[in-house]
Amino acid sequence: MAGGSGQVHAMECPPPGPYLLAGGLEASNLLERMQAVPRRALLNLRGFDAASRLEAAPGSKDLEKVRAFVARAHDLLKG
């Protein structure tokens, strides 16, 4: 099965409850995407969802991209 669509949510209108940040995510853009989220909405951020940007080929994950993404996500969530 292929990855996601890469579409991003309009963060001017963040979800009202717990959510996962998703849409075209990879290690290199996580910080930028988090900075686009209003401060009040960061309180409900529970994690990240990534799919196609971490693939080596459709439906096949690139292990190095996954490792880099997970490491970056951990760093940002504990910071």
PDB file of N, CA and C in Angstrom:
ATOM      1  N   MET A   1       0.842  -1.176   0.000  1.00  0.00           N
ATOM      2  CA  MET A   1       0.000   0.000   0.000  1.00  0.00           C
ATOM      3  C   MET A   1       0.885   1.236   0.000  1.00  0.00           C
ATOM      4  N   ALA A   2       0.559   2.204  -0.816  1.00  0.00           N
ATOM      5  CA  ALA A   2       1.342   3.430  -0.933  1.00  0.00           C
ATOM      6  C   ALA A   2       1.103   4.355   0.253  1.00  0.00           C
ATOM      7  N   GLY A   3       1.963   5.367   0.373  1.00  0.00           N
ATOM      8  CA  GLY A   3       1.893   6.307   1.495  1.00  0.00           C
ATOM      9  C   GLY A   3       0.752   7.292   1.382  1.00  0.00           C
ATOM     10  N   GLY A   4       0.828   8.335   2.219  1.00  0.00           N
ATOM     11  CA  GLY A   4      -0.241   9.320   2.307  1.00  0.00           C
ATOM     12  C   GLY A   4      -0.222  10.318   1.170  1.00  0.00           C
ATOM     13  N   SER A   5      -1.117  11.275   1.271  1.00  0.00           N
ATOM     14  CA  SER A   5      -1.278  12.268   0.209  1.00  0.00           C
ATOM     15  C   SER A   5      -0.291  13.424   0.335  1.00  0.00           C
ATOM     16  N   GLY A   6       0.254  13.643   1.530  1.00  0.00           N
ATOM     17  CA  GLY A   6       1.167  14.759   1.750  1.00  0.00           C
ATOM     18  C   GLY A   6       0.466  16.084   1.964  1.00  0.00           C
ATOM     19  N   GLN A   7      -0.866  16.084   1.998  1.00  0.00           N
ATOM     20  CA  GLN A   7      -1.607  17.317   2.221  1.00  0.00           C
ATOM     21  C   GLN A   7      -1.494  17.746   3.676  1.00  0.00           C
ATOM     22  N   VAL A   8      -1.389  19.039   3.885  1.00  0.00           N
ATOM     23  CA  VAL A   8      -1.252  19.571   5.236  1.00  0.00           C
ATOM     24  C   VAL A   8      -2.569  20.178   5.707  1.00  0.00           C
ATOM     25  N   HIS A   9      -2.741  20.186   7.010  1.00  0.00           N
ATOM     26  CA  HIS A   9      -3.934  20.766   7.631  1.00  0.00           C
ATOM     27  C   HIS A   9      -3.720  22.263   7.814  1.00  0.00           C
ATOM     28  N   ALA A  10      -4.768  23.041   7.645  1.00  0.00           N
ATOM     29  CA  ALA A  10      -4.692  24.486   7.862  1.00  0.00           C
ATOM     30  C   ALA A  10      -4.606  24.748   9.360  1.00  0.00           C
ATOM     31  N   MET A  11      -3.432  25.061   9.851  1.00  0.00           N
ATOM     32  CA  MET A  11      -3.236  25.181  11.295  1.00  0.00           C
ATOM     33  C   MET A  11      -3.802  26.472  11.876  1.00  0.00           C
ATOM     34  N   GLU A  12      -4.346  27.355  11.032  1.00  0.00           N
ATOM     35  CA  GLU A  12      -5.058  28.497  11.593  1.00  0.00           C
ATOM     36  C   GLU A  12      -6.301  28.006  12.331  1.00  0.00           C
ATOM     37  N   CYS A  13      -6.768  26.821  11.958  1.00  0.00           N
ATOM     38  CA  CYS A  13      -7.943  26.199  12.572  1.00  0.00           C
ATOM     39  C   CYS A  13      -7.529  24.812  13.078  1.00  0.00           C
ATOM     40  N   PRO A  14      -6.730  24.745  14.146  1.00  0.00           N
ATOM     41  CA  PRO A  14      -6.229  23.454  14.616  1.00  0.00           C
ATOM     42  C   PRO A  14      -7.351  22.571  15.155  1.00  0.00           C
ATOM     43  N   PRO A  15      -7.132  21.270  15.175  1.00  0.00           N
ATOM     44  CA  PRO A  15      -8.127  20.364  15.743  1.00  0.00           C
ATOM     45  C   PRO A  15      -8.405  20.742  17.201  1.00  0.00           C
ATOM     46  N   PRO A  16      -9.638  20.546  17.676  1.00  0.00           N
ATOM     47  CA  PRO A  16      -9.987  20.956  19.034  1.00  0.00           C
ATOM     48  C   PRO A  16      -9.453  20.033  20.132  1.00  0.00           C
ATOM     49  N   GLY A  17      -9.059  18.823  19.783  1.00  0.00           N
ATOM     50  CA  GLY A  17      -8.587  17.877  20.789  1.00  0.00           C
ATOM     51  C   GLY A  17      -7.252  17.286  20.399  1.00  0.00           C
ATOM     52  N   PRO A  18      -6.861  16.185  21.042  1.00  0.00           N
ATOM     53  CA  PRO A  18      -5.579  15.544  20.729  1.00  0.00           C
ATOM     54  C   PRO A  18      -5.474  15.200  19.237  1.00  0.00           C
ATOM     55  N   TYR A  19      -4.286  15.389  18.692  1.00  0.00           N
ATOM     56  CA  TYR A  19      -4.084  15.123  17.269  1.00  0.00           C
ATOM     57  C   TYR A  19      -2.637  14.741  16.992  1.00  0.00           C
ATOM     58  N   LEU A  20      -2.429  14.165  15.805  1.00  0.00           N
ATOM     59  CA  LEU A  20      -1.100  13.888  15.260  1.00  0.00           C
ATOM     60  C   LEU A  20      -0.860  14.881  14.135  1.00  0.00           C
ATOM     61  N   LEU A  21       0.302  15.492  14.106  1.00  0.00           N
ATOM     62  CA  LEU A  21       0.668  16.386  13.017  1.00  0.00           C
ATOM     63  C   LEU A  21       1.046  15.507  11.829  1.00  0.00           C
ATOM     64  N   ALA A  22       0.462  15.787  10.672  1.00  0.00           N
ATOM     65  CA  ALA A  22       0.680  14.945   9.497  1.00  0.00           C
ATOM     66  C   ALA A  22       0.694  15.795   8.237  1.00  0.00           C
ATOM     67  N   GLY A  23       1.120  15.191   7.142  1.00  0.00           N
ATOM     68  CA  GLY A  23       1.078  15.837   5.843  1.00  0.00           C
ATOM     69  C   GLY A  23       2.441  16.228   5.318  1.00  0.00           C
ATOM     70  N   GLY A  24       3.072  15.335   4.577  1.00  0.00           N
ATOM     71  CA  GLY A  24       4.353  15.646   3.953  1.00  0.00           C
ATOM     72  C   GLY A  24       5.514  15.793   4.916  1.00  0.00           C
ATOM     73  N   LEU A  25       5.444  15.099   6.039  1.00  0.00           N
ATOM     74  CA  LEU A  25       6.490  15.239   7.055  1.00  0.00           C
ATOM     75  C   LEU A  25       7.720  14.392   6.765  1.00  0.00           C
ATOM     76  N   GLU A  26       8.870  14.956   7.100  1.00  0.00           N
ATOM     77  CA  GLU A  26      10.145  14.246   7.100  1.00  0.00           C
ATOM     78  C   GLU A  26      11.019  14.932   8.152  1.00  0.00           C
ATOM     79  N   ALA A  27      12.152  14.342   8.473  1.00  0.00           N
ATOM     80  CA  ALA A  27      12.998  14.865   9.548  1.00  0.00           C
ATOM     81  C   ALA A  27      13.355  16.331   9.323  1.00  0.00           C
ATOM     82  N   SER A  28      13.602  16.705   8.096  1.00  0.00           N
ATOM     83  CA  SER A  28      14.082  18.062   7.804  1.00  0.00           C
ATOM     84  C   SER A  28      13.016  19.147   7.935  1.00  0.00           C
ATOM     85  N   ASN A  29      11.734  18.792   7.990  1.00  0.00           N
ATOM     86  CA  ASN A  29      10.721  19.840   8.071  1.00  0.00           C
ATOM     87  C   ASN A  29       9.856  19.779   9.337  1.00  0.00           C
ATOM     88  N   LEU A  30      10.180  18.914  10.270  1.00  0.00           N
ATOM     89  CA  LEU A  30       9.367  18.795  11.487  1.00  0.00           C
ATOM     90  C   LEU A  30       9.354  20.092  12.300  1.00  0.00           C
ATOM     91  N   LEU A  31      10.494  20.690  12.516  1.00  0.00           N
ATOM     92  CA  LEU A  31      10.551  21.920  13.307  1.00  0.00           C
ATOM     93  C   LEU A  31       9.730  23.022  12.641  1.00  0.00           C
ATOM     94  N   GLU A  32       9.918  23.209  11.362  1.00  0.00           N
ATOM     95  CA  GLU A  32       9.177  24.230  10.622  1.00  0.00           C
ATOM     96  C   GLU A  32       7.668  24.004  10.736  1.00  0.00           C
ATOM     97  N   ARG A  33       7.246  22.761  10.602  1.00  0.00           N
ATOM     98  CA  ARG A  33       5.810  22.449  10.706  1.00  0.00           C
ATOM     99  C   ARG A  33       5.296  22.697  12.114  1.00  0.00           C
ATOM    100  N   MET A  34       6.079  22.351  13.135  1.00  0.00           N
ATOM    101  CA  MET A  34       5.650  22.617  14.517  1.00  0.00           C
ATOM    102  C   MET A  34       5.552  24.117  14.774  1.00  0.00           C
ATOM    103  N   GLN A  35       6.453  24.888  14.200  1.00  0.00           N
ATOM    104  CA  GLN A  35       6.434  26.335  14.402  1.00  0.00           C
ATOM    105  C   GLN A  35       5.219  26.986  13.750  1.00  0.00           C
ATOM    106  N   ALA A  36       4.602  26.305  12.792  1.00  0.00           N
ATOM    107  CA  ALA A  36       3.404  26.822  12.127  1.00  0.00           C
ATOM    108  C   ALA A  36       2.139  26.558  12.940  1.00  0.00           C
ATOM    109  N   VAL A  37       2.261  25.753  13.975  1.00  0.00           N
ATOM    110  CA  VAL A  37       1.112  25.407  14.816  1.00  0.00           C
ATOM    111  C   VAL A  37       0.954  26.472  15.901  1.00  0.00           C
ATOM    112  N   PRO A  38      -0.256  27.010  16.072  1.00  0.00           N
ATOM    113  CA  PRO A  38      -0.458  27.982  17.154  1.00  0.00           C
ATOM    114  C   PRO A  38      -0.083  27.379  18.512  1.00  0.00           C
ATOM    115  N   ARG A  39       0.494  28.192  19.377  1.00  0.00           N
ATOM    116  CA  ARG A  39       0.952  27.711  20.698  1.00  0.00           C
ATOM    117  C   ARG A  39      -0.129  26.942  21.442  1.00  0.00           C
ATOM    118  N   ARG A  40      -1.347  27.450  21.432  1.00  0.00           N
ATOM    119  CA  ARG A  40      -2.417  26.776  22.169  1.00  0.00           C
ATOM    120  C   ARG A  40      -2.684  25.375  21.628  1.00  0.00           C
ATOM    121  N   ALA A  41      -2.478  25.186  20.333  1.00  0.00           N
ATOM    122  CA  ALA A  41      -2.722  23.879  19.720  1.00  0.00           C
ATOM    123  C   ALA A  41      -1.595  22.891  20.022  1.00  0.00           C
ATOM    124  N   LEU A  42      -0.396  23.393  20.333  1.00  0.00           N
ATOM    125  CA  LEU A  42       0.712  22.490  20.662  1.00  0.00           C
ATOM    126  C   LEU A  42       0.416  21.683  21.923  1.00  0.00           C
ATOM    127  N   LEU A  43      -0.450  22.206  22.785  1.00  0.00           N
ATOM    128  CA  LEU A  43      -0.815  21.477  23.998  1.00  0.00           C
ATOM    129  C   LEU A  43      -1.510  20.157  23.691  1.00  0.00           C
ATOM    130  N   ASN A  44      -2.180  20.080  22.548  1.00  0.00           N
ATOM    131  CA  ASN A  44      -2.904  18.861  22.164  1.00  0.00           C
ATOM    132  C   ASN A  44      -2.120  17.963  21.203  1.00  0.00           C
ATOM    133  N   LEU A  45      -0.927  18.394  20.807  1.00  0.00           N
ATOM    134  CA  LEU A  45      -0.107  17.586  19.895  1.00  0.00           C
ATOM    135  C   LEU A  45       0.348  16.320  20.607  1.00  0.00           C
ATOM    136  N   ARG A  46       0.056  15.174  20.029  1.00  0.00           N
ATOM    137  CA  ARG A  46       0.411  13.884  20.636  1.00  0.00           C
ATOM    138  C   ARG A  46       1.512  13.150  19.891  1.00  0.00           C
ATOM    139  N   GLY A  47       1.847  13.627  18.694  1.00  0.00           N
ATOM    140  CA  GLY A  47       2.898  12.969  17.928  1.00  0.00           C
ATOM    141  C   GLY A  47       2.814  13.342  16.461  1.00  0.00           C
ATOM    142  N   PHE A  48       3.494  12.565  15.640  1.00  0.00           N
ATOM    143  CA  PHE A  48       3.585  12.836  14.218  1.00  0.00           C
ATOM    144  C   PHE A  48       3.198  11.597  13.417  1.00  0.00           C
ATOM    145  N   ASP A  49       2.676  11.841  12.236  1.00  0.00           N
ATOM    146  CA  ASP A  49       2.309  10.769  11.318  1.00  0.00           C
ATOM    147  C   ASP A  49       3.048  11.022  10.011  1.00  0.00           C
ATOM    148  N   ALA A  50       3.824  10.084   9.586  1.00  0.00           N
ATOM    149  CA  ALA A  50       4.569  10.233   8.335  1.00  0.00           C
ATOM    150  C   ALA A  50       4.374   8.985   7.488  1.00  0.00           C
ATOM    151  N   ALA A  51       4.426   9.155   6.184  1.00  0.00           N
ATOM    152  CA  ALA A  51       4.221   8.006   5.299  1.00  0.00           C
ATOM    153  C   ALA A  51       5.127   8.106   4.074  1.00  0.00           C
ATOM    154  N   SER A  52       4.630   8.690   3.005  1.00  0.00           N
ATOM    155  CA  SER A  52       5.315   8.618   1.716  1.00  0.00           C
ATOM    156  C   SER A  52       6.678   9.293   1.679  1.00  0.00           C
ATOM    157  N   ARG A  53       6.901  10.330   2.467  1.00  0.00           N
ATOM    158  CA  ARG A  53       8.210  10.990   2.445  1.00  0.00           C
ATOM    159  C   ARG A  53       9.307  10.115   3.040  1.00  0.00           C
ATOM    160  N   LEU A  54       8.922   9.038   3.722  1.00  0.00           N
ATOM    161  CA  LEU A  54       9.907   8.129   4.327  1.00  0.00           C
ATOM    162  C   LEU A  54      10.094   6.867   3.501  1.00  0.00           C
ATOM    163  N   GLU A  55       9.597   6.879   2.276  1.00  0.00           N
ATOM    164  CA  GLU A  55       9.693   5.701   1.420  1.00  0.00           C
ATOM    165  C   GLU A  55      10.886   5.756   0.475  1.00  0.00           C
ATOM    166  N   ALA A  56      11.475   4.588   0.253  1.00  0.00           N
ATOM    167  CA  ALA A  56      12.521   4.444  -0.753  1.00  0.00           C
ATOM    168  C   ALA A  56      11.864   4.232  -2.123  1.00  0.00           C
ATOM    169  N   ALA A  57      10.729   3.568  -2.108  1.00  0.00           N
ATOM    170  CA  ALA A  57       9.911   3.298  -3.293  1.00  0.00           C
ATOM    171  C   ALA A  57       8.477   3.171  -2.783  1.00  0.00           C
ATOM    172  N   PRO A  58       7.489   3.334  -3.638  1.00  0.00           N
ATOM    173  CA  PRO A  58       6.106   3.236  -3.171  1.00  0.00           C
ATOM    174  C   PRO A  58       5.851   1.966  -2.351  1.00  0.00           C
ATOM    175  N   GLY A  59       5.422   2.188  -1.099  1.00  0.00           N
ATOM    176  CA  GLY A  59       5.107   1.080  -0.210  1.00  0.00           C
ATOM    177  C   GLY A  59       6.291   0.466   0.513  1.00  0.00           C
ATOM    178  N   SER A  60       7.493   0.991   0.312  1.00  0.00           N
ATOM    179  CA  SER A  60       8.705   0.441   0.927  1.00  0.00           C
ATOM    180  C   SER A  60       9.452   1.546   1.677  1.00  0.00           C
ATOM    181  N   LYS A  61       9.508   1.429   2.990  1.00  0.00           N
ATOM    182  CA  LYS A  61      10.159   2.464   3.802  1.00  0.00           C
ATOM    183  C   LYS A  61      11.677   2.425   3.663  1.00  0.00           C
ATOM    184  N   ASP A  62      12.283   3.610   3.720  1.00  0.00           N
ATOM    185  CA  ASP A  62      13.729   3.768   3.731  1.00  0.00           C
ATOM    186  C   ASP A  62      14.147   3.814   5.202  1.00  0.00           C
ATOM    187  N   LEU A  63      14.879   2.818   5.662  1.00  0.00           N
ATOM    188  CA  LEU A  63      15.226   2.691   7.072  1.00  0.00           C
ATOM    189  C   LEU A  63      15.966   3.914   7.608  1.00  0.00           C
ATOM    190  N   GLU A  64      16.863   4.487   6.852  1.00  0.00           N
ATOM    191  CA  GLU A  64      17.602   5.668   7.307  1.00  0.00           C
ATOM    192  C   GLU A  64      16.688   6.884   7.451  1.00  0.00           C
ATOM    193  N   LYS A  65      15.758   7.046   6.525  1.00  0.00           N
ATOM    194  CA  LYS A  65      14.797   8.150   6.626  1.00  0.00           C
ATOM    195  C   LYS A  65      13.907   7.965   7.855  1.00  0.00           C
ATOM    196  N   VAL A  66      13.493   6.729   8.117  1.00  0.00           N
ATOM    197  CA  VAL A  66      12.656   6.445   9.286  1.00  0.00           C
ATOM    198  C   VAL A  66      13.438   6.732  10.566  1.00  0.00           C
ATOM    199  N   ARG A  67      14.686   6.269  10.632  1.00  0.00           N
ATOM    200  CA  ARG A  67      15.517   6.517  11.818  1.00  0.00           C
ATOM    201  C   ARG A  67      15.696   8.013  12.066  1.00  0.00           C
ATOM    202  N   ALA A  68      15.990   8.766  11.019  1.00  0.00           N
ATOM    203  CA  ALA A  68      16.186  10.209  11.150  1.00  0.00           C
ATOM    204  C   ALA A  68      14.894  10.887  11.606  1.00  0.00           C
ATOM    205  N   PHE A  69      13.761  10.462  11.053  1.00  0.00           N
ATOM    206  CA  PHE A  69      12.475  11.036  11.421  1.00  0.00           C
ATOM    207  C   PHE A  69      12.151  10.773  12.889  1.00  0.00           C
ATOM    208  N   VAL A  70      12.323   9.534  13.326  1.00  0.00           N
ATOM    209  CA  VAL A  70      12.014   9.172  14.714  1.00  0.00           C
ATOM    210  C   VAL A  70      12.926   9.930  15.685  1.00  0.00           C
ATOM    211  N   ALA A  71      14.213  10.024  15.373  1.00  0.00           N
ATOM    212  CA  ALA A  71      15.142  10.740  16.233  1.00  0.00           C
ATOM    213  C   ALA A  71      14.752  12.218  16.340  1.00  0.00           C
ATOM    214  N   ARG A  72      14.406  12.831  15.227  1.00  0.00           N
ATOM    215  CA  ARG A  72      14.026  14.250  15.226  1.00  0.00           C
ATOM    216  C   ARG A  72      12.719  14.455  15.996  1.00  0.00           C
ATOM    217  N   ALA A  73      11.758  13.576  15.780  1.00  0.00           N
ATOM    218  CA  ALA A  73      10.473  13.679  16.474  1.00  0.00           C
ATOM    219  C   ALA A  73      10.674  13.572  17.991  1.00  0.00           C
ATOM    220  N   HIS A  74      11.495  12.633  18.432  1.00  0.00           N
ATOM    221  CA  HIS A  74      11.785  12.487  19.869  1.00  0.00           C
ATOM    222  C   HIS A  74      12.426  13.755  20.415  1.00  0.00           C
ATOM    223  N   ASP A  75      13.396  14.287  19.703  1.00  0.00           N
ATOM    224  CA  ASP A  75      14.065  15.516  20.142  1.00  0.00           C
ATOM    225  C   ASP A  75      13.086  16.677  20.296  1.00  0.00           C
ATOM    226  N   LEU A  76      12.201  16.835  19.326  1.00  0.00           N
ATOM    227  CA  LEU A  76      11.269  17.960  19.350  1.00  0.00           C
ATOM    228  C   LEU A  76      10.197  17.800  20.428  1.00  0.00           C
ATOM    229  N   LEU A  77       9.710  16.584  20.637  1.00  0.00           N
ATOM    230  CA  LEU A  77       8.649  16.374  21.609  1.00  0.00           C
ATOM    231  C   LEU A  77       9.133  16.472  23.059  1.00  0.00           C
ATOM    232  N   LYS A  78      10.377  16.155  23.291  1.00  0.00           N
ATOM    233  CA  LYS A  78      10.871  16.250  24.671  1.00  0.00           C
ATOM    234  C   LYS A  78      11.446  17.628  24.983  1.00  0.00           C
ATOM    235  N   GLY A  79      11.686  18.425  23.922  1.00  0.00           N
ATOM    236  CA  GLY A  79      12.264  19.763  24.098  1.00  0.00           C
ATOM    237  C   GLY A  79      11.266  20.698  24.626  1.00  0.00           C
TER     238      GLY A  79
END
